[in-house]
Amino acid sequence: MGNNRVIGGGGIHHAAIRVHDFDASVKFYTEVLGFTERVRWGEGDKRGILLDTGDGNYLEIFAGGAPGPKPEGAFLHLALRTDDVDAAIEVARAAGMEVTVEPKDVSLGPVQARVAFFKGPDGETIEFFQER
């Protein structure tokens, strides 16, 4: 999927937000904006959900956010699709970026993926995401 020759694959897999009122946020994005549920996991403040925005790109919503407005909003990270997380993270590391989570396999309900995280040049959190 995609044609990025540097990290393999390509495109944005998902953007992630942490919200105070999980149910209200899910209701807004599904009922008002028309996103559809792909997968849901966890309980209480450990809940998460991937919502398809309509074209196979996702919004990931996590519960457990603080109440009230946030200076930069609720966004946590940007996830980029890749065909090879391990090779892609080495590209970031070679460019001097700080790797914050080494490549690992994760299970989001029925979705199996390999992920790694690093800090971008301005401190932004970027995830490489390889769906299995």
N, C-alpha and C. Protein backbone atom coordinates (compact mmCIF):
# COMPACT_ATOMS: atom_id res chain seq x y z
N MET A 1 0.86 -1.17 0.00
CA MET A 1 0.00 0.00 0.00
C MET A 1 0.90 1.24 0.00
N GLY A 2 0.81 2.05 -0.98
CA GLY A 2 1.63 3.25 -1.03
C GLY A 2 2.92 3.02 -1.79
N ASN A 3 3.66 4.09 -1.98
CA ASN A 3 4.89 3.96 -2.76
C ASN A 3 6.03 4.78 -2.17
N ASN A 4 6.09 4.91 -0.88
CA ASN A 4 7.19 5.63 -0.24
C ASN A 4 8.43 4.74 -0.28
N ARG A 5 9.45 5.15 -1.03
CA ARG A 5 10.64 4.32 -1.21
C ARG A 5 11.58 4.36 -0.01
N VAL A 6 11.45 5.33 0.87
CA VAL A 6 12.36 5.43 2.02
C VAL A 6 11.89 4.56 3.18
N ILE A 7 10.64 4.69 3.60
CA ILE A 7 10.16 3.93 4.76
C ILE A 7 9.27 2.76 4.36
N GLY A 8 8.99 2.57 3.07
CA GLY A 8 8.12 1.49 2.62
C GLY A 8 6.68 1.80 2.91
N GLY A 9 5.78 1.38 2.05
CA GLY A 9 4.37 1.69 2.26
C GLY A 9 4.13 3.16 2.05
N GLY A 10 3.58 3.80 3.04
CA GLY A 10 3.38 5.23 2.96
C GLY A 10 1.97 5.64 3.33
N GLY A 11 1.82 6.92 3.56
CA GLY A 11 0.52 7.48 3.93
C GLY A 11 0.35 7.52 5.43
N ILE A 12 -0.67 8.24 5.84
CA ILE A 12 -1.00 8.35 7.26
C ILE A 12 -1.93 7.20 7.62
N HIS A 13 -1.56 6.43 8.60
CA HIS A 13 -2.43 5.36 9.08
C HIS A 13 -3.46 5.94 10.04
N HIS A 14 -2.98 6.71 11.04
CA HIS A 14 -3.93 7.33 11.97
C HIS A 14 -3.30 8.51 12.69
N ALA A 15 -4.17 9.37 13.17
CA ALA A 15 -3.82 10.41 14.14
C ALA A 15 -4.51 10.00 15.43
N ALA A 16 -3.85 10.22 16.57
CA ALA A 16 -4.39 9.77 17.86
C ALA A 16 -4.67 10.96 18.77
N ILE A 17 -5.81 10.87 19.47
CA ILE A 17 -6.16 11.88 20.45
C ILE A 17 -6.50 11.20 21.78
N ARG A 18 -6.29 11.92 22.89
CA ARG A 18 -6.72 11.45 24.21
C ARG A 18 -7.82 12.41 24.66
N VAL A 19 -8.97 11.86 25.05
CA VAL A 19 -10.13 12.69 25.36
C VAL A 19 -10.62 12.43 26.79
N HIS A 20 -11.30 13.43 27.34
CA HIS A 20 -11.86 13.32 28.68
C HIS A 20 -13.16 12.53 28.66
N ASP A 21 -14.04 12.81 27.70
CA ASP A 21 -15.32 12.11 27.61
C ASP A 21 -15.30 11.21 26.38
N PHE A 22 -14.85 9.99 26.59
CA PHE A 22 -14.67 9.02 25.51
C PHE A 22 -15.96 8.80 24.73
N ASP A 23 -17.05 8.52 25.44
CA ASP A 23 -18.32 8.21 24.78
C ASP A 23 -18.83 9.39 23.94
N ALA A 24 -18.72 10.60 24.48
CA ALA A 24 -19.17 11.78 23.73
C ALA A 24 -18.32 11.99 22.48
N SER A 25 -17.02 11.75 22.59
CA SER A 25 -16.14 11.92 21.44
C SER A 25 -16.44 10.89 20.37
N VAL A 26 -16.61 9.63 20.77
CA VAL A 26 -16.93 8.58 19.80
C VAL A 26 -18.26 8.89 19.13
N LYS A 27 -19.23 9.33 19.91
CA LYS A 27 -20.55 9.67 19.35
C LYS A 27 -20.42 10.81 18.34
N PHE A 28 -19.64 11.85 18.66
CA PHE A 28 -19.45 12.97 17.74
C PHE A 28 -18.83 12.51 16.42
N TYR A 29 -17.72 11.77 16.52
CA TYR A 29 -17.02 11.38 15.30
C TYR A 29 -17.80 10.38 14.46
N THR A 30 -18.63 9.53 15.11
CA THR A 30 -19.40 8.56 14.33
C THR A 30 -20.73 9.14 13.85
N GLU A 31 -21.49 9.74 14.76
CA GLU A 31 -22.82 10.21 14.39
C GLU A 31 -22.82 11.54 13.66
N VAL A 32 -21.93 12.44 14.01
CA VAL A 32 -21.91 13.76 13.38
C VAL A 32 -21.04 13.76 12.13
N LEU A 33 -19.83 13.18 12.23
CA LEU A 33 -18.90 13.22 11.10
C LEU A 33 -18.92 11.97 10.22
N GLY A 34 -19.63 10.91 10.66
CA GLY A 34 -19.81 9.74 9.81
C GLY A 34 -18.66 8.74 9.81
N PHE A 35 -17.73 8.82 10.76
CA PHE A 35 -16.65 7.84 10.85
C PHE A 35 -17.27 6.50 11.28
N THR A 36 -16.61 5.39 10.95
CA THR A 36 -17.12 4.07 11.33
C THR A 36 -16.10 3.34 12.20
N GLU A 37 -16.63 2.57 13.14
CA GLU A 37 -15.77 1.83 14.07
C GLU A 37 -15.08 0.69 13.35
N ARG A 38 -13.76 0.61 13.53
CA ARG A 38 -12.98 -0.52 12.99
C ARG A 38 -12.71 -1.53 14.08
N VAL A 39 -12.20 -1.05 15.22
CA VAL A 39 -11.88 -1.94 16.34
C VAL A 39 -11.88 -1.14 17.64
N ARG A 40 -12.26 -1.81 18.72
CA ARG A 40 -12.34 -1.18 20.05
C ARG A 40 -11.67 -2.13 21.04
N TRP A 41 -11.01 -1.57 22.07
CA TRP A 41 -10.33 -2.39 23.07
C TRP A 41 -10.29 -1.68 24.42
N GLY A 42 -9.99 -2.45 25.47
CA GLY A 42 -9.78 -1.91 26.80
C GLY A 42 -11.05 -1.56 27.55
N GLU A 43 -10.83 -1.07 28.79
CA GLU A 43 -11.94 -0.69 29.66
C GLU A 43 -11.60 0.59 30.39
N GLY A 44 -12.62 1.34 30.82
CA GLY A 44 -12.42 2.55 31.61
C GLY A 44 -11.48 3.53 30.92
N ASP A 45 -10.52 4.05 31.69
CA ASP A 45 -9.55 5.00 31.14
C ASP A 45 -8.52 4.34 30.24
N LYS A 46 -8.60 3.04 30.06
CA LYS A 46 -7.69 2.30 29.17
C LYS A 46 -8.37 1.94 27.85
N ARG A 47 -9.55 2.54 27.60
CA ARG A 47 -10.27 2.25 26.36
C ARG A 47 -9.62 2.94 25.17
N GLY A 48 -9.75 2.29 24.03
CA GLY A 48 -9.30 2.88 22.78
C GLY A 48 -10.19 2.40 21.66
N ILE A 49 -10.19 3.16 20.57
CA ILE A 49 -10.99 2.81 19.41
C ILE A 49 -10.32 3.36 18.16
N LEU A 50 -10.37 2.61 17.07
CA LEU A 50 -9.93 3.11 15.76
C LEU A 50 -11.18 3.36 14.94
N LEU A 51 -11.33 4.58 14.47
CA LEU A 51 -12.47 4.96 13.64
C LEU A 51 -11.98 5.24 12.22
N ASP A 52 -12.59 4.58 11.24
CA ASP A 52 -12.26 4.81 9.83
C ASP A 52 -12.89 6.14 9.41
N THR A 53 -12.07 7.04 8.90
CA THR A 53 -12.55 8.37 8.51
C THR A 53 -13.32 8.33 7.18
N GLY A 54 -13.29 7.20 6.49
CA GLY A 54 -14.03 7.06 5.25
C GLY A 54 -13.18 6.59 4.09
N ASP A 55 -11.85 6.59 4.28
CA ASP A 55 -10.97 6.19 3.18
C ASP A 55 -9.86 5.25 3.62
N GLY A 56 -10.05 4.59 4.76
CA GLY A 56 -9.02 3.68 5.26
C GLY A 56 -7.97 4.37 6.12
N ASN A 57 -8.10 5.66 6.33
CA ASN A 57 -7.27 6.37 7.30
C ASN A 57 -8.09 6.46 8.57
N TYR A 58 -7.39 6.48 9.72
CA TYR A 58 -8.10 6.34 10.98
C TYR A 58 -7.84 7.49 11.94
N LEU A 59 -8.82 7.68 12.83
CA LEU A 59 -8.66 8.50 14.02
C LEU A 59 -8.67 7.51 15.18
N GLU A 60 -7.62 7.54 16.00
CA GLU A 60 -7.53 6.69 17.17
C GLU A 60 -7.88 7.55 18.38
N ILE A 61 -8.86 7.10 19.17
CA ILE A 61 -9.30 7.85 20.34
C ILE A 61 -8.98 7.03 21.58
N PHE A 62 -8.29 7.67 22.53
CA PHE A 62 -7.99 7.06 23.82
C PHE A 62 -8.77 7.77 24.91
N ALA A 63 -9.28 7.01 25.88
CA ALA A 63 -9.92 7.58 27.06
C ALA A 63 -8.83 8.07 28.01
N GLY A 64 -9.24 8.71 29.10
CA GLY A 64 -8.32 9.07 30.17
C GLY A 64 -7.71 10.45 30.06
N GLY A 65 -8.25 11.28 29.18
CA GLY A 65 -7.73 12.63 29.05
C GLY A 65 -8.19 13.54 30.18
N ALA A 66 -7.45 14.59 30.40
CA ALA A 66 -7.79 15.57 31.44
C ALA A 66 -8.97 16.42 30.98
N PRO A 67 -9.81 16.86 31.92
CA PRO A 67 -10.92 17.74 31.54
C PRO A 67 -10.40 19.12 31.17
N GLY A 68 -11.23 19.86 30.45
CA GLY A 68 -10.90 21.24 30.11
C GLY A 68 -10.09 21.36 28.84
N PRO A 69 -9.96 22.60 28.36
CA PRO A 69 -9.22 22.84 27.13
C PRO A 69 -7.72 22.57 27.31
N LYS A 70 -7.09 22.16 26.22
CA LYS A 70 -5.66 21.88 26.22
C LYS A 70 -4.99 22.86 25.25
N PRO A 71 -3.84 23.41 25.61
CA PRO A 71 -3.20 24.42 24.76
C PRO A 71 -3.00 23.98 23.31
N GLU A 72 -2.66 22.72 23.12
CA GLU A 72 -2.41 22.22 21.77
C GLU A 72 -3.50 21.25 21.32
N GLY A 73 -4.62 21.21 22.01
CA GLY A 73 -5.67 20.27 21.67
C GLY A 73 -5.38 18.90 22.26
N ALA A 74 -6.03 17.89 21.72
CA ALA A 74 -5.95 16.55 22.29
C ALA A 74 -5.04 15.61 21.51
N PHE A 75 -4.36 16.09 20.47
CA PHE A 75 -3.58 15.19 19.63
C PHE A 75 -2.35 14.64 20.35
N LEU A 76 -2.12 13.32 20.21
CA LEU A 76 -1.02 12.62 20.85
C LEU A 76 0.12 12.31 19.89
N HIS A 77 -0.22 11.73 18.73
CA HIS A 77 0.82 11.34 17.78
C HIS A 77 0.25 11.19 16.38
N LEU A 78 1.15 11.14 15.42
CA LEU A 78 0.82 10.89 14.03
C LEU A 78 1.42 9.55 13.66
N ALA A 79 0.62 8.64 13.12
CA ALA A 79 1.10 7.31 12.75
C ALA A 79 1.21 7.21 11.24
N LEU A 80 2.38 6.80 10.78
CA LEU A 80 2.64 6.65 9.35
C LEU A 80 2.67 5.17 8.98
N ARG A 81 1.98 4.83 7.88
CA ARG A 81 2.00 3.45 7.40
C ARG A 81 3.39 3.12 6.88
N THR A 82 3.80 1.88 7.13
CA THR A 82 5.04 1.38 6.56
C THR A 82 4.91 -0.11 6.33
N ASP A 83 5.70 -0.62 5.40
CA ASP A 83 5.74 -2.06 5.14
C ASP A 83 6.78 -2.74 6.03
N ASP A 84 7.64 -1.97 6.70
CA ASP A 84 8.72 -2.54 7.50
C ASP A 84 9.09 -1.58 8.63
N VAL A 85 8.47 -1.75 9.79
CA VAL A 85 8.71 -0.88 10.94
C VAL A 85 10.18 -0.88 11.33
N ASP A 86 10.79 -2.05 11.33
CA ASP A 86 12.18 -2.16 11.79
C ASP A 86 13.13 -1.35 10.90
N ALA A 87 12.95 -1.43 9.59
CA ALA A 87 13.80 -0.66 8.67
C ALA A 87 13.48 0.83 8.77
N ALA A 88 12.20 1.17 8.89
CA ALA A 88 11.80 2.58 8.93
C ALA A 88 12.36 3.28 10.17
N ILE A 89 12.34 2.60 11.33
CA ILE A 89 12.83 3.25 12.54
C ILE A 89 14.33 3.48 12.44
N GLU A 90 15.04 2.63 11.72
CA GLU A 90 16.48 2.83 11.53
C GLU A 90 16.75 4.06 10.68
N VAL A 91 15.85 4.38 9.75
CA VAL A 91 15.98 5.61 8.95
C VAL A 91 15.88 6.82 9.87
N ALA A 92 14.88 6.81 10.77
CA ALA A 92 14.71 7.91 11.71
C ALA A 92 15.91 8.01 12.65
N ARG A 93 16.36 6.86 13.15
CA ARG A 93 17.51 6.85 14.08
C ARG A 93 18.76 7.39 13.40
N ALA A 94 18.99 6.99 12.15
CA ALA A 94 20.17 7.45 11.40
C ALA A 94 20.12 8.95 11.16
N ALA A 95 18.92 9.51 11.14
CA ALA A 95 18.76 10.96 10.96
C ALA A 95 18.91 11.72 12.28
N GLY A 96 19.21 10.99 13.36
CA GLY A 96 19.44 11.63 14.65
C GLY A 96 18.19 11.78 15.50
N MET A 97 17.08 11.19 15.10
CA MET A 97 15.85 11.30 15.87
C MET A 97 15.91 10.37 17.08
N GLU A 98 15.28 10.80 18.18
CA GLU A 98 15.24 10.01 19.40
C GLU A 98 14.15 8.94 19.29
N VAL A 99 14.54 7.68 19.36
CA VAL A 99 13.58 6.58 19.35
C VAL A 99 13.06 6.42 20.77
N THR A 100 11.74 6.53 20.93
CA THR A 100 11.14 6.46 22.26
C THR A 100 10.52 5.10 22.56
N VAL A 101 10.13 4.37 21.52
CA VAL A 101 9.63 3.00 21.68
C VAL A 101 10.23 2.17 20.55
N GLU A 102 11.03 1.20 20.92
CA GLU A 102 11.64 0.31 19.93
C GLU A 102 10.55 -0.54 19.27
N PRO A 103 10.82 -1.07 18.08
CA PRO A 103 9.81 -1.88 17.39
C PRO A 103 9.28 -3.01 18.28
N LYS A 104 7.96 -3.15 18.27
CA LYS A 104 7.32 -4.22 19.05
C LYS A 104 6.01 -4.58 18.40
N ASP A 105 5.55 -5.80 18.67
CA ASP A 105 4.26 -6.27 18.17
C ASP A 105 3.18 -5.91 19.19
N VAL A 106 2.03 -5.45 18.68
CA VAL A 106 0.91 -5.09 19.54
C VAL A 106 -0.37 -5.72 19.00
N SER A 107 -1.33 -5.86 19.89
CA SER A 107 -2.64 -6.38 19.53
C SER A 107 -3.68 -5.36 19.94
N LEU A 108 -4.43 -4.86 18.97
CA LEU A 108 -5.54 -3.94 19.23
C LEU A 108 -6.81 -4.70 18.90
N GLY A 109 -7.25 -5.53 19.84
CA GLY A 109 -8.37 -6.41 19.55
C GLY A 109 -7.97 -7.35 18.43
N PRO A 110 -8.75 -7.41 17.35
CA PRO A 110 -8.41 -8.32 16.25
C PRO A 110 -7.29 -7.79 15.33
N VAL A 111 -6.87 -6.56 15.51
CA VAL A 111 -5.83 -5.98 14.66
C VAL A 111 -4.45 -6.26 15.27
N GLN A 112 -3.60 -6.90 14.50
CA GLN A 112 -2.23 -7.18 14.91
C GLN A 112 -1.32 -6.23 14.13
N ALA A 113 -0.38 -5.62 14.83
CA ALA A 113 0.50 -4.64 14.18
C ALA A 113 1.88 -4.67 14.80
N ARG A 114 2.82 -4.11 14.08
CA ARG A 114 4.16 -3.86 14.60
C ARG A 114 4.31 -2.35 14.60
N VAL A 115 4.79 -1.78 15.72
CA VAL A 115 4.87 -0.33 15.87
C VAL A 115 6.21 0.07 16.45
N ALA A 116 6.57 1.32 16.23
CA ALA A 116 7.73 1.95 16.87
C ALA A 116 7.44 3.44 16.90
N PHE A 117 7.99 4.15 17.90
CA PHE A 117 7.76 5.58 18.06
C PHE A 117 9.08 6.32 18.14
N PHE A 118 9.05 7.57 17.65
CA PHE A 118 10.23 8.44 17.77
C PHE A 118 9.77 9.88 17.84
N LYS A 119 10.69 10.76 18.25
CA LYS A 119 10.41 12.19 18.32
C LYS A 119 10.89 12.83 17.02
N GLY A 120 10.02 13.64 16.41
CA GLY A 120 10.38 14.39 15.22
C GLY A 120 11.26 15.57 15.58
N PRO A 121 11.66 16.36 14.58
CA PRO A 121 12.61 17.44 14.80
C PRO A 121 12.13 18.51 15.78
N ASP A 122 10.82 18.68 15.95
CA ASP A 122 10.31 19.70 16.87
C ASP A 122 9.69 19.06 18.11
N GLY A 123 10.03 17.78 18.36
CA GLY A 123 9.53 17.08 19.53
C GLY A 123 8.21 16.37 19.33
N GLU A 124 7.64 16.45 18.13
CA GLU A 124 6.38 15.76 17.87
C GLU A 124 6.58 14.25 17.92
N THR A 125 5.57 13.54 18.40
CA THR A 125 5.64 12.08 18.47
C THR A 125 5.12 11.49 17.17
N ILE A 126 5.95 10.65 16.56
CA ILE A 126 5.60 9.98 15.30
C ILE A 126 5.68 8.49 15.51
N GLU A 127 4.69 7.78 15.01
CA GLU A 127 4.65 6.32 15.11
C GLU A 127 4.78 5.73 13.71
N PHE A 128 5.56 4.67 13.58
CA PHE A 128 5.52 3.85 12.38
C PHE A 128 4.60 2.70 12.68
N PHE A 129 3.67 2.39 11.76
CA PHE A 129 2.60 1.40 11.99
C PHE A 129 2.57 0.43 10.82
N GLN A 130 2.77 -0.84 11.12
CA GLN A 130 2.73 -1.90 10.12
C GLN A 130 1.67 -2.91 10.51
N GLU A 131 0.55 -2.88 9.82
CA GLU A 131 -0.52 -3.82 10.12
C GLU A 131 -0.12 -5.20 9.60
N ARG A 132 -0.36 -6.21 10.41
CA ARG A 132 0.04 -7.58 10.05
C ARG A 132 -1.09 -8.34 9.42
